[in-house]
Amino acid sequence: IIFYILILRPQNQRLKAHNAAINAVQKGDEVITGGGIRGKATKVMDDEVEVEIAQGVKIRVVKSTLSQVFSKNAKPAND
């Protein structure tokens, strides 16, 4: 029981939150891929996202490889 409370439950909660963020990615959101590439989502398909990494340079990545999503509606931490 202690193992579940201290290790498994928090890990499952983080996994659910991460999956929810990945599935909620929208056009205009800033994303970071698993390989560390940072860019802006320009097109969202069922299992892929088109990410603009530089002006005019777009790549397609699988949604499951996204490590972080920063919503365009999110407020800065200290501003």
N, C-alpha and C. Protein backbone atom coordinates (compact mmCIF):
# COMPACT_ATOMS: atom_id res chain seq x y z
N ILE A 1 0.83 -1.19 0.00
CA ILE A 1 0.00 0.00 0.00
C ILE A 1 0.88 1.25 0.00
N ILE A 2 1.92 1.25 0.80
CA ILE A 2 2.81 2.41 0.86
C ILE A 2 3.50 2.63 -0.49
N PHE A 3 3.92 1.55 -1.12
CA PHE A 3 4.55 1.62 -2.44
C PHE A 3 3.61 2.28 -3.44
N TYR A 4 2.35 1.91 -3.41
CA TYR A 4 1.36 2.48 -4.33
C TYR A 4 1.19 3.97 -4.07
N ILE A 5 1.04 4.35 -2.80
CA ILE A 5 0.79 5.75 -2.45
C ILE A 5 1.99 6.63 -2.78
N LEU A 6 3.19 6.15 -2.52
CA LEU A 6 4.38 6.99 -2.69
C LEU A 6 4.93 7.00 -4.11
N ILE A 7 4.73 5.92 -4.87
CA ILE A 7 5.37 5.84 -6.17
C ILE A 7 4.38 5.74 -7.32
N LEU A 8 3.52 4.78 -7.30
CA LEU A 8 2.67 4.51 -8.46
C LEU A 8 1.58 5.57 -8.68
N ARG A 9 0.92 6.00 -7.63
CA ARG A 9 -0.17 6.96 -7.78
C ARG A 9 0.32 8.30 -8.36
N PRO A 10 1.38 8.91 -7.82
CA PRO A 10 1.86 10.17 -8.42
C PRO A 10 2.33 10.00 -9.87
N GLN A 11 2.95 8.86 -10.16
CA GLN A 11 3.41 8.61 -11.52
C GLN A 11 2.22 8.50 -12.48
N ASN A 12 1.17 7.84 -12.07
CA ASN A 12 -0.03 7.72 -12.91
C ASN A 12 -0.70 9.06 -13.11
N GLN A 13 -0.71 9.90 -12.09
CA GLN A 13 -1.30 11.23 -12.23
C GLN A 13 -0.51 12.09 -13.21
N ARG A 14 0.83 12.03 -13.14
CA ARG A 14 1.67 12.78 -14.09
C ARG A 14 1.44 12.28 -15.51
N LEU A 15 1.32 10.97 -15.69
CA LEU A 15 1.10 10.38 -17.01
C LEU A 15 -0.24 10.82 -17.58
N LYS A 16 -1.28 10.84 -16.78
CA LYS A 16 -2.60 11.29 -17.24
C LYS A 16 -2.57 12.76 -17.64
N ALA A 17 -1.90 13.60 -16.85
CA ALA A 17 -1.80 15.02 -17.16
C ALA A 17 -1.01 15.25 -18.45
N HIS A 18 0.06 14.49 -18.64
CA HIS A 18 0.88 14.60 -19.85
C HIS A 18 0.07 14.18 -21.08
N ASN A 19 -0.64 13.07 -20.99
CA ASN A 19 -1.46 12.60 -22.12
C ASN A 19 -2.57 13.58 -22.44
N ALA A 20 -3.17 14.20 -21.42
CA ALA A 20 -4.22 15.19 -21.66
C ALA A 20 -3.65 16.41 -22.38
N ALA A 21 -2.46 16.85 -22.01
CA ALA A 21 -1.83 18.00 -22.66
C ALA A 21 -1.49 17.67 -24.11
N ILE A 22 -0.99 16.48 -24.37
CA ILE A 22 -0.63 16.09 -25.73
C ILE A 22 -1.87 16.00 -26.62
N ASN A 23 -2.94 15.44 -26.09
CA ASN A 23 -4.18 15.31 -26.88
C ASN A 23 -4.88 16.65 -27.08
N ALA A 24 -4.60 17.64 -26.24
CA ALA A 24 -5.25 18.94 -26.34
C ALA A 24 -4.43 19.96 -27.12
N VAL A 25 -3.33 19.55 -27.74
CA VAL A 25 -2.51 20.50 -28.49
C VAL A 25 -3.33 21.11 -29.63
N GLN A 26 -3.18 22.43 -29.80
CA GLN A 26 -3.93 23.16 -30.82
C GLN A 26 -2.98 23.98 -31.67
N LYS A 27 -3.51 24.45 -32.77
CA LYS A 27 -2.73 25.31 -33.66
C LYS A 27 -2.31 26.56 -32.88
N GLY A 28 -1.03 26.89 -32.95
CA GLY A 28 -0.51 28.07 -32.29
C GLY A 28 0.18 27.78 -30.97
N ASP A 29 0.02 26.57 -30.44
CA ASP A 29 0.68 26.21 -29.19
C ASP A 29 2.17 26.00 -29.43
N GLU A 30 2.97 26.34 -28.44
CA GLU A 30 4.41 26.08 -28.49
C GLU A 30 4.64 24.67 -27.96
N VAL A 31 5.45 23.89 -28.68
CA VAL A 31 5.69 22.50 -28.29
C VAL A 31 7.18 22.21 -28.27
N ILE A 32 7.55 21.20 -27.48
CA ILE A 32 8.91 20.69 -27.46
C ILE A 32 8.83 19.20 -27.72
N THR A 33 9.61 18.73 -28.69
CA THR A 33 9.60 17.31 -29.02
C THR A 33 10.53 16.55 -28.08
N GLY A 34 10.45 15.24 -28.14
CA GLY A 34 11.32 14.40 -27.32
C GLY A 34 12.79 14.60 -27.65
N GLY A 35 13.09 15.02 -28.87
CA GLY A 35 14.46 15.26 -29.27
C GLY A 35 14.96 16.65 -28.92
N GLY A 36 14.09 17.48 -28.31
CA GLY A 36 14.50 18.80 -27.87
C GLY A 36 14.23 19.90 -28.87
N ILE A 37 13.53 19.61 -29.95
CA ILE A 37 13.22 20.63 -30.94
C ILE A 37 12.02 21.43 -30.46
N ARG A 38 12.17 22.75 -30.47
CA ARG A 38 11.12 23.64 -30.00
C ARG A 38 10.53 24.38 -31.18
N GLY A 39 9.20 24.48 -31.23
CA GLY A 39 8.56 25.18 -32.32
C GLY A 39 7.11 25.45 -32.02
N LYS A 40 6.40 25.94 -33.04
CA LYS A 40 5.00 26.29 -32.89
C LYS A 40 4.16 25.34 -33.75
N ALA A 41 3.10 24.81 -33.17
CA ALA A 41 2.21 23.91 -33.89
C ALA A 41 1.42 24.71 -34.92
N THR A 42 1.53 24.31 -36.18
CA THR A 42 0.82 25.02 -37.24
C THR A 42 -0.35 24.22 -37.80
N LYS A 43 -0.32 22.91 -37.62
CA LYS A 43 -1.39 22.06 -38.11
C LYS A 43 -1.45 20.82 -37.22
N VAL A 44 -2.66 20.45 -36.80
CA VAL A 44 -2.83 19.30 -35.91
C VAL A 44 -3.71 18.28 -36.62
N MET A 45 -3.17 17.07 -36.81
CA MET A 45 -3.92 15.97 -37.39
C MET A 45 -4.25 14.98 -36.28
N ASP A 46 -4.81 13.82 -36.64
CA ASP A 46 -5.19 12.83 -35.64
C ASP A 46 -4.02 12.38 -34.78
N ASP A 47 -2.94 11.93 -35.42
CA ASP A 47 -1.79 11.41 -34.65
C ASP A 47 -0.50 12.15 -34.96
N GLU A 48 -0.57 13.23 -35.72
CA GLU A 48 0.62 14.00 -36.08
C GLU A 48 0.38 15.49 -35.85
N VAL A 49 1.49 16.21 -35.70
CA VAL A 49 1.46 17.66 -35.56
C VAL A 49 2.51 18.24 -36.50
N GLU A 50 2.15 19.27 -37.23
CA GLU A 50 3.12 19.98 -38.06
C GLU A 50 3.67 21.12 -37.21
N VAL A 51 5.00 21.15 -37.06
CA VAL A 51 5.65 22.12 -36.18
C VAL A 51 6.55 23.02 -37.01
N GLU A 52 6.38 24.34 -36.85
CA GLU A 52 7.25 25.30 -37.52
C GLU A 52 8.40 25.61 -36.58
N ILE A 53 9.62 25.20 -36.99
CA ILE A 53 10.79 25.38 -36.13
C ILE A 53 11.58 26.63 -36.48
N ALA A 54 11.36 27.17 -37.65
CA ALA A 54 11.95 28.43 -38.10
C ALA A 54 11.01 28.98 -39.15
N GLN A 55 11.18 30.23 -39.51
CA GLN A 55 10.29 30.84 -40.48
C GLN A 55 10.37 30.07 -41.81
N GLY A 56 9.27 29.45 -42.18
CA GLY A 56 9.19 28.70 -43.43
C GLY A 56 9.70 27.27 -43.34
N VAL A 57 10.18 26.83 -42.18
CA VAL A 57 10.69 25.47 -42.01
C VAL A 57 9.71 24.71 -41.12
N LYS A 58 9.03 23.73 -41.72
CA LYS A 58 8.03 22.96 -40.98
C LYS A 58 8.39 21.48 -41.01
N ILE A 59 8.15 20.82 -39.88
CA ILE A 59 8.37 19.38 -39.80
C ILE A 59 7.10 18.74 -39.25
N ARG A 60 6.91 17.47 -39.58
CA ARG A 60 5.78 16.72 -39.03
C ARG A 60 6.31 15.75 -38.00
N VAL A 61 5.69 15.75 -36.83
CA VAL A 61 6.09 14.84 -35.76
C VAL A 61 4.87 14.10 -35.26
N VAL A 62 5.10 12.93 -34.72
CA VAL A 62 4.03 12.14 -34.13
C VAL A 62 3.70 12.74 -32.77
N LYS A 63 2.41 12.86 -32.45
CA LYS A 63 2.00 13.48 -31.19
C LYS A 63 2.63 12.83 -29.97
N SER A 64 2.79 11.52 -30.01
CA SER A 64 3.31 10.83 -28.83
C SER A 64 4.77 11.18 -28.54
N THR A 65 5.47 11.80 -29.50
CA THR A 65 6.87 12.18 -29.26
C THR A 65 6.99 13.58 -28.65
N LEU A 66 5.88 14.28 -28.48
CA LEU A 66 5.94 15.59 -27.84
C LEU A 66 6.18 15.42 -26.35
N SER A 67 7.12 16.19 -25.83
CA SER A 67 7.41 16.07 -24.41
C SER A 67 6.73 17.16 -23.60
N GLN A 68 6.54 18.36 -24.18
CA GLN A 68 5.87 19.45 -23.47
C GLN A 68 5.03 20.26 -24.43
N VAL A 69 3.95 20.81 -23.92
CA VAL A 69 3.07 21.68 -24.69
C VAL A 69 2.83 22.94 -23.87
N PHE A 70 3.10 24.09 -24.47
CA PHE A 70 2.86 25.37 -23.82
C PHE A 70 1.71 26.03 -24.57
N SER A 71 0.58 26.14 -23.92
CA SER A 71 -0.60 26.71 -24.56
C SER A 71 -0.39 28.19 -24.81
N LYS A 72 -0.94 28.69 -25.90
CA LYS A 72 -0.82 30.10 -26.22
C LYS A 72 -1.64 30.95 -25.25
N ASN A 73 -2.59 30.32 -24.54
CA ASN A 73 -3.42 31.05 -23.58
C ASN A 73 -2.83 31.04 -22.17
N ALA A 74 -1.73 30.31 -21.98
CA ALA A 74 -1.12 30.23 -20.65
C ALA A 74 -0.46 31.57 -20.29
N LYS A 75 -0.53 31.90 -19.02
CA LYS A 75 0.05 33.15 -18.55
C LYS A 75 1.49 32.90 -18.10
N PRO A 76 2.39 33.85 -18.30
CA PRO A 76 3.75 33.73 -17.80
C PRO A 76 3.77 33.60 -16.28
N ALA A 77 4.76 32.92 -15.75
CA ALA A 77 4.81 32.61 -14.33
C ALA A 77 4.98 33.86 -13.46
N ASN A 78 5.87 34.77 -13.83
CA ASN A 78 6.18 35.90 -12.94
C ASN A 78 5.83 37.27 -13.55
N ASP A 79 4.96 37.30 -14.49
CA ASP A 79 4.63 38.60 -15.11
C ASP A 79 3.25 39.06 -14.71
